[in-house]
C-alpha cells in the first residue's frame, strides 16, 4: 500500500517538476496523471495495491473539493464581475467537449456500425 501511494505521489511530483522546468501551460498533477497512465499501459494491468489506494482516494474525493469551494467564496466579488465570461466558457467548453467526443467516436467506430436500439 505504501508503494502504491509512493507511485501516485511520484507521478504527481514528476509532473510538477517537468512543468516548472520547461514552463508547460499544463497543471503538474495533470501531467502526473499522464505519466501514471503511461506506466499502467506499459504494465498492461493495474496493480491491486494501486487500485485499492485509488479507490480509497475516490471514496473521499469530496474532501478534495473543499479548498476549491473556499477559493470560490474568497473570490466571489471577482466572480460576480466576470460571471458572463465564466458562463460562456463553461457552456462553450462543454459544447466543444461534446462535439469532440462525437467526432472521435465516429472515427473509432467501424464503418456501417449502427447504434443499438433503445429499449421500448
N, C-alpha and C. Protein backbone atom coordinates (compact mmCIF):
# COMPACT_ATOMS: atom_id res chain seq x y z
N UNK A 1 0.82 -1.19 0.00
CA UNK A 1 0.00 0.00 0.00
C UNK A 1 0.87 1.26 0.00
N UNK A 2 1.93 1.24 0.76
CA UNK A 2 2.84 2.38 0.79
C UNK A 2 3.49 2.59 -0.58
N UNK A 3 3.79 1.49 -1.25
CA UNK A 3 4.37 1.59 -2.59
C UNK A 3 3.41 2.23 -3.58
N UNK A 4 2.12 1.93 -3.45
CA UNK A 4 1.13 2.50 -4.35
C UNK A 4 0.98 4.00 -4.12
N UNK A 5 0.93 4.40 -2.85
CA UNK A 5 0.86 5.83 -2.53
C UNK A 5 2.11 6.53 -3.04
N UNK A 6 3.25 5.89 -2.86
CA UNK A 6 4.50 6.47 -3.34
C UNK A 6 4.48 6.63 -4.86
N UNK A 7 3.96 5.63 -5.56
CA UNK A 7 3.86 5.72 -7.02
C UNK A 7 2.99 6.90 -7.44
N UNK A 8 1.82 7.05 -6.81
CA UNK A 8 0.93 8.15 -7.15
C UNK A 8 1.58 9.50 -6.88
N UNK A 9 2.21 9.63 -5.73
CA UNK A 9 2.87 10.89 -5.39
C UNK A 9 4.09 11.16 -6.27
N UNK A 10 4.80 10.11 -6.64
CA UNK A 10 5.95 10.28 -7.53
C UNK A 10 5.51 10.76 -8.90
N UNK A 11 4.43 10.20 -9.41
CA UNK A 11 3.92 10.65 -10.71
C UNK A 11 3.52 12.12 -10.65
N UNK A 12 2.86 12.51 -9.56
CA UNK A 12 2.47 13.92 -9.41
C UNK A 12 3.71 14.80 -9.30
N UNK A 13 4.68 14.37 -8.53
CA UNK A 13 5.92 15.15 -8.39
C UNK A 13 6.65 15.28 -9.72
N UNK A 14 6.71 14.18 -10.46
CA UNK A 14 7.38 14.24 -11.77
C UNK A 14 6.67 15.22 -12.69
N UNK A 15 5.35 15.23 -12.65
CA UNK A 15 4.59 16.18 -13.46
C UNK A 15 4.87 17.61 -13.04
N UNK A 16 4.90 17.87 -11.73
CA UNK A 16 5.16 19.23 -11.23
C UNK A 16 6.56 19.69 -11.63
N UNK A 17 7.53 18.82 -11.46
CA UNK A 17 8.92 19.19 -11.78
C UNK A 17 9.06 19.50 -13.27
N UNK A 18 8.51 18.64 -14.12
CA UNK A 18 8.63 18.87 -15.56
C UNK A 18 7.93 20.16 -15.99
N UNK A 19 6.75 20.42 -15.43
CA UNK A 19 6.02 21.65 -15.77
C UNK A 19 6.84 22.88 -15.39
N UNK A 20 7.46 22.84 -14.22
CA UNK A 20 8.23 24.00 -13.77
C UNK A 20 9.55 24.15 -14.53
N UNK A 21 10.14 23.02 -14.91
CA UNK A 21 11.41 23.09 -15.63
C UNK A 21 11.26 23.66 -17.03
N UNK A 22 10.24 23.20 -17.75
CA UNK A 22 10.12 23.64 -19.14
C UNK A 22 8.91 24.55 -19.37
N UNK A 23 8.32 25.03 -18.27
CA UNK A 23 7.25 26.04 -18.32
C UNK A 23 6.10 25.63 -19.22
N UNK A 24 5.59 24.43 -18.99
CA UNK A 24 4.43 23.95 -19.76
C UNK A 24 3.16 24.63 -19.24
N UNK A 25 2.22 24.92 -20.13
CA UNK A 25 0.97 25.54 -19.69
C UNK A 25 -0.07 24.51 -19.22
N UNK A 26 0.38 23.50 -18.50
CA UNK A 26 -0.47 22.42 -18.03
C UNK A 26 -0.22 22.25 -16.55
N UNK A 27 -1.25 22.00 -15.75
CA UNK A 27 -1.02 21.74 -14.33
C UNK A 27 -0.16 20.49 -14.12
N UNK A 28 0.73 20.54 -13.16
CA UNK A 28 1.61 19.42 -12.87
C UNK A 28 0.89 18.12 -12.58
N UNK A 29 -0.19 18.14 -11.76
CA UNK A 29 -0.91 16.89 -11.49
C UNK A 29 -1.52 16.26 -12.74
N UNK A 30 -1.90 17.09 -13.72
CA UNK A 30 -2.45 16.53 -14.97
C UNK A 30 -1.36 15.78 -15.72
N UNK A 31 -0.19 16.37 -15.80
CA UNK A 31 0.93 15.68 -16.44
C UNK A 31 1.31 14.43 -15.65
N UNK A 32 1.21 14.51 -14.32
CA UNK A 32 1.46 13.34 -13.49
C UNK A 32 0.49 12.21 -13.79
N UNK A 33 -0.78 12.55 -14.05
CA UNK A 33 -1.76 11.52 -14.42
C UNK A 33 -1.39 10.88 -15.76
N UNK A 34 -0.86 11.68 -16.67
CA UNK A 34 -0.42 11.13 -17.95
C UNK A 34 0.72 10.14 -17.71
N UNK A 35 1.65 10.51 -16.83
CA UNK A 35 2.76 9.60 -16.51
C UNK A 35 2.24 8.31 -15.90
N UNK A 36 1.27 8.42 -14.98
CA UNK A 36 0.69 7.23 -14.37
C UNK A 36 -0.01 6.37 -15.42
N UNK A 37 -0.74 7.01 -16.33
CA UNK A 37 -1.43 6.29 -17.40
C UNK A 37 -0.43 5.53 -18.27
N UNK A 38 0.67 6.20 -18.64
CA UNK A 38 1.69 5.55 -19.46
C UNK A 38 2.32 4.37 -18.72
N UNK A 39 2.58 4.56 -17.43
CA UNK A 39 3.14 3.48 -16.61
C UNK A 39 2.20 2.27 -16.60
N UNK A 40 0.89 2.54 -16.43
CA UNK A 40 -0.07 1.44 -16.40
C UNK A 40 -0.23 0.79 -17.78
N UNK A 41 -0.10 1.57 -18.84
CA UNK A 41 -0.13 0.98 -20.19
C UNK A 41 1.06 0.04 -20.40
N UNK A 42 2.21 0.46 -19.94
CA UNK A 42 3.41 -0.38 -20.09
C UNK A 42 3.25 -1.68 -19.31
N UNK A 43 2.70 -1.58 -18.09
CA UNK A 43 2.50 -2.78 -17.27
C UNK A 43 1.36 -3.67 -17.79
N UNK A 44 0.45 -3.07 -18.54
CA UNK A 44 -0.70 -3.77 -19.13
C UNK A 44 -1.74 -4.22 -18.10
N UNK A 45 -1.62 -3.77 -16.87
CA UNK A 45 -2.66 -4.00 -15.87
C UNK A 45 -2.44 -3.04 -14.69
N UNK A 46 -3.49 -2.89 -13.89
CA UNK A 46 -3.41 -2.04 -12.72
C UNK A 46 -3.07 -2.93 -11.52
N UNK A 47 -1.93 -2.67 -10.88
CA UNK A 47 -1.60 -3.48 -9.69
C UNK A 47 -2.70 -3.33 -8.63
N UNK A 48 -2.95 -4.40 -7.90
CA UNK A 48 -4.03 -4.40 -6.91
C UNK A 48 -3.85 -3.31 -5.86
N UNK A 49 -2.61 -3.08 -5.43
CA UNK A 49 -2.37 -2.05 -4.42
C UNK A 49 -2.71 -0.66 -4.95
N UNK A 50 -2.39 -0.39 -6.20
CA UNK A 50 -2.72 0.91 -6.80
C UNK A 50 -4.23 1.05 -6.91
N UNK A 51 -4.91 -0.02 -7.26
CA UNK A 51 -6.36 0.02 -7.37
C UNK A 51 -7.00 0.29 -6.01
N UNK A 52 -6.51 -0.38 -4.96
CA UNK A 52 -7.05 -0.18 -3.62
C UNK A 52 -6.86 1.26 -3.15
N UNK A 53 -5.63 1.78 -3.32
CA UNK A 53 -5.35 3.15 -2.89
C UNK A 53 -6.18 4.14 -3.70
N UNK A 54 -6.29 3.93 -4.99
CA UNK A 54 -7.07 4.83 -5.83
C UNK A 54 -8.54 4.83 -5.43
N UNK A 55 -9.08 3.65 -5.14
CA UNK A 55 -10.48 3.57 -4.72
C UNK A 55 -10.71 4.26 -3.39
N UNK A 56 -9.75 4.14 -2.47
CA UNK A 56 -9.87 4.84 -1.18
C UNK A 56 -9.84 6.35 -1.39
N UNK A 57 -8.98 6.83 -2.27
CA UNK A 57 -8.95 8.26 -2.56
C UNK A 57 -10.26 8.71 -3.19
N UNK A 58 -10.79 7.91 -4.10
CA UNK A 58 -12.06 8.26 -4.74
C UNK A 58 -13.22 8.25 -3.75
N UNK A 59 -13.15 7.38 -2.75
CA UNK A 59 -14.19 7.35 -1.71
C UNK A 59 -14.27 8.69 -0.97
N UNK A 60 -13.14 9.37 -0.86
CA UNK A 60 -13.08 10.64 -0.12
C UNK A 60 -12.83 11.83 -1.04
N UNK A 61 -13.20 11.68 -2.29
CA UNK A 61 -12.96 12.72 -3.29
C UNK A 61 -13.63 14.05 -2.92
N UNK A 62 -14.79 13.98 -2.30
CA UNK A 62 -15.50 15.22 -1.97
C UNK A 62 -14.67 16.12 -1.05
N UNK A 63 -13.85 15.54 -0.21
CA UNK A 63 -12.99 16.35 0.67
C UNK A 63 -11.99 17.18 -0.11
N UNK A 64 -11.60 16.71 -1.29
CA UNK A 64 -10.62 17.44 -2.09
C UNK A 64 -11.23 18.68 -2.73
N UNK A 65 -12.56 18.78 -2.74
CA UNK A 65 -13.22 19.96 -3.31
C UNK A 65 -13.39 21.08 -2.30
N UNK A 66 -13.13 20.83 -1.03
CA UNK A 66 -13.28 21.87 -0.01
C UNK A 66 -12.39 23.07 -0.30
N UNK A 67 -11.09 22.90 -0.61
CA UNK A 67 -10.27 24.08 -0.92
C UNK A 67 -10.79 24.86 -2.13
N UNK A 68 -11.30 24.18 -3.12
CA UNK A 68 -11.84 24.88 -4.29
C UNK A 68 -13.07 25.68 -3.90
N UNK A 69 -13.92 25.12 -3.08
CA UNK A 69 -15.11 25.83 -2.61
C UNK A 69 -14.75 27.07 -1.80
N UNK A 70 -13.73 26.94 -0.96
CA UNK A 70 -13.26 28.10 -0.19
C UNK A 70 -12.72 29.17 -1.13
N UNK A 71 -12.01 28.76 -2.16
CA UNK A 71 -11.49 29.72 -3.14
C UNK A 71 -12.60 30.45 -3.86
N UNK A 72 -13.68 29.73 -4.20
CA UNK A 72 -14.81 30.37 -4.86
C UNK A 72 -15.42 31.43 -3.95
N UNK A 73 -15.58 31.10 -2.68
CA UNK A 73 -16.15 32.06 -1.73
C UNK A 73 -15.20 33.25 -1.54
N UNK A 74 -13.91 32.97 -1.47
CA UNK A 74 -12.93 34.03 -1.26
C UNK A 74 -12.92 35.02 -2.42
N UNK A 75 -13.12 34.54 -3.63
CA UNK A 75 -13.07 35.40 -4.82
C UNK A 75 -14.46 35.67 -5.39
N UNK A 76 -15.48 35.64 -4.56
CA UNK A 76 -16.85 35.81 -5.03
C UNK A 76 -17.05 37.15 -5.75
N UNK A 77 -16.42 38.21 -5.27
CA UNK A 77 -16.61 39.51 -5.91
C UNK A 77 -16.02 39.53 -7.33
N UNK A 78 -14.87 38.89 -7.50
CA UNK A 78 -14.28 38.82 -8.84
C UNK A 78 -15.12 37.93 -9.76
N UNK A 79 -15.70 36.89 -9.20
CA UNK A 79 -16.56 36.01 -9.99
C UNK A 79 -17.82 36.76 -10.42
N UNK A 80 -18.34 37.59 -9.52
CA UNK A 80 -19.51 38.41 -9.87
C UNK A 80 -19.20 39.32 -11.05
N UNK A 81 -18.02 39.89 -11.07
CA UNK A 81 -17.64 40.80 -12.15
C UNK A 81 -17.48 40.08 -13.49
N UNK A 82 -17.11 38.81 -13.45
CA UNK A 82 -16.81 38.08 -14.69
C UNK A 82 -17.77 36.92 -14.94
N UNK A 83 -18.98 36.98 -14.38
CA UNK A 83 -19.87 35.83 -14.48
C UNK A 83 -20.24 35.50 -15.92
N UNK A 84 -20.36 36.51 -16.76
CA UNK A 84 -20.75 36.26 -18.15
C UNK A 84 -19.64 35.48 -18.88
N UNK A 85 -18.39 35.90 -18.67
CA UNK A 85 -17.27 35.19 -19.31
C UNK A 85 -17.14 33.77 -18.77
N UNK A 86 -17.38 33.60 -17.48
CA UNK A 86 -17.30 32.27 -16.87
C UNK A 86 -18.39 31.37 -17.44
N UNK A 87 -19.60 31.90 -17.52
CA UNK A 87 -20.72 31.13 -18.07
C UNK A 87 -20.47 30.76 -19.53
N UNK A 88 -19.97 31.72 -20.31
CA UNK A 88 -19.67 31.44 -21.72
C UNK A 88 -18.59 30.37 -21.85
N UNK A 89 -17.59 30.42 -20.97
CA UNK A 89 -16.53 29.42 -21.01
C UNK A 89 -17.06 28.03 -20.67
N UNK A 90 -17.93 27.96 -19.68
CA UNK A 90 -18.48 26.66 -19.28
C UNK A 90 -19.34 26.08 -20.40
N UNK A 91 -20.25 26.91 -20.94
CA UNK A 91 -21.15 26.42 -21.99
C UNK A 91 -20.35 26.10 -23.25
N UNK A 92 -19.44 27.00 -23.64
CA UNK A 92 -18.63 26.77 -24.84
C UNK A 92 -17.73 25.56 -24.69
N UNK A 93 -17.09 25.42 -23.54
CA UNK A 93 -16.21 24.27 -23.31
C UNK A 93 -16.97 22.96 -23.33
N UNK A 94 -18.17 22.97 -22.75
CA UNK A 94 -18.99 21.76 -22.76
C UNK A 94 -19.39 21.40 -24.19
N UNK A 95 -19.78 22.40 -24.97
CA UNK A 95 -20.17 22.14 -26.37
C UNK A 95 -19.00 21.59 -27.17
N UNK A 96 -17.83 22.16 -26.98
CA UNK A 96 -16.64 21.68 -27.70
C UNK A 96 -16.30 20.25 -27.26
N UNK A 97 -16.40 19.96 -25.97
CA UNK A 97 -16.11 18.61 -25.48
C UNK A 97 -17.07 17.59 -26.05
N UNK A 98 -18.36 17.93 -26.10
CA UNK A 98 -19.35 17.01 -26.66
C UNK A 98 -19.09 16.79 -28.14
N UNK A 99 -18.82 17.87 -28.87
CA UNK A 99 -18.57 17.75 -30.31
C UNK A 99 -17.30 16.93 -30.57
N UNK A 100 -16.26 17.16 -29.80
CA UNK A 100 -15.01 16.41 -29.98
C UNK A 100 -15.22 14.93 -29.68
N UNK A 101 -15.98 14.65 -28.63
CA UNK A 101 -16.26 13.25 -28.28
C UNK A 101 -17.03 12.56 -29.40
N UNK A 102 -18.03 13.24 -29.93
CA UNK A 102 -18.81 12.66 -31.02
C UNK A 102 -17.95 12.43 -32.26
N UNK A 103 -17.11 13.40 -32.58
CA UNK A 103 -16.24 13.28 -33.75
C UNK A 103 -15.27 12.11 -33.60
N UNK A 104 -14.65 11.99 -32.41
CA UNK A 104 -13.71 10.90 -32.16
C UNK A 104 -14.43 9.55 -32.21
N UNK A 105 -15.63 9.49 -31.63
CA UNK A 105 -16.39 8.25 -31.65
C UNK A 105 -16.71 7.82 -33.08
N UNK A 106 -17.08 8.78 -33.93
CA UNK A 106 -17.35 8.45 -35.32
C UNK A 106 -16.11 7.90 -36.02
N UNK A 107 -14.96 8.40 -35.68
CA UNK A 107 -13.72 7.93 -36.30
C UNK A 107 -13.30 6.55 -35.78
N UNK A 108 -13.66 6.24 -34.53
CA UNK A 108 -13.24 4.98 -33.93
C UNK A 108 -14.17 3.81 -34.26
N UNK A 109 -15.45 4.11 -34.49
CA UNK A 109 -16.39 3.03 -34.80
C UNK A 109 -16.15 2.50 -36.21
N UNK A 110 -16.33 1.21 -36.41
CA UNK A 110 -16.14 0.64 -37.75
C UNK A 110 -17.21 1.18 -38.70
N UNK A 111 -16.90 1.25 -40.00
CA UNK A 111 -17.88 1.73 -40.98
C UNK A 111 -19.14 0.87 -40.96
N UNK A 112 -20.27 1.52 -41.10
CA UNK A 112 -21.53 0.79 -41.13
C UNK A 112 -22.06 0.40 -39.76
N UNK A 113 -21.40 0.83 -38.71
CA UNK A 113 -21.85 0.48 -37.36
C UNK A 113 -23.11 1.26 -37.03
N UNK A 114 -24.14 0.55 -36.62
CA UNK A 114 -25.39 1.18 -36.23
C UNK A 114 -25.48 1.22 -34.71
N UNK A 115 -25.97 2.32 -34.15
CA UNK A 115 -26.12 2.36 -32.70
C UNK A 115 -27.18 1.36 -32.25
N UNK A 116 -27.07 0.85 -31.04
CA UNK A 116 -28.07 -0.11 -30.55
C UNK A 116 -29.44 0.56 -30.42
N UNK A 117 -30.49 -0.25 -30.62
CA UNK A 117 -31.84 0.28 -30.48
C UNK A 117 -32.15 0.53 -29.02
N UNK A 118 -32.93 1.59 -28.80
CA UNK A 118 -33.33 1.88 -27.42
C UNK A 118 -34.43 0.91 -27.02
N UNK A 119 -34.41 0.49 -25.74
CA UNK A 119 -35.46 -0.43 -25.27
C UNK A 119 -36.82 0.27 -25.29
N UNK A 120 -37.85 -0.50 -25.57
CA UNK A 120 -39.21 0.07 -25.63
C UNK A 120 -39.94 -0.09 -24.34
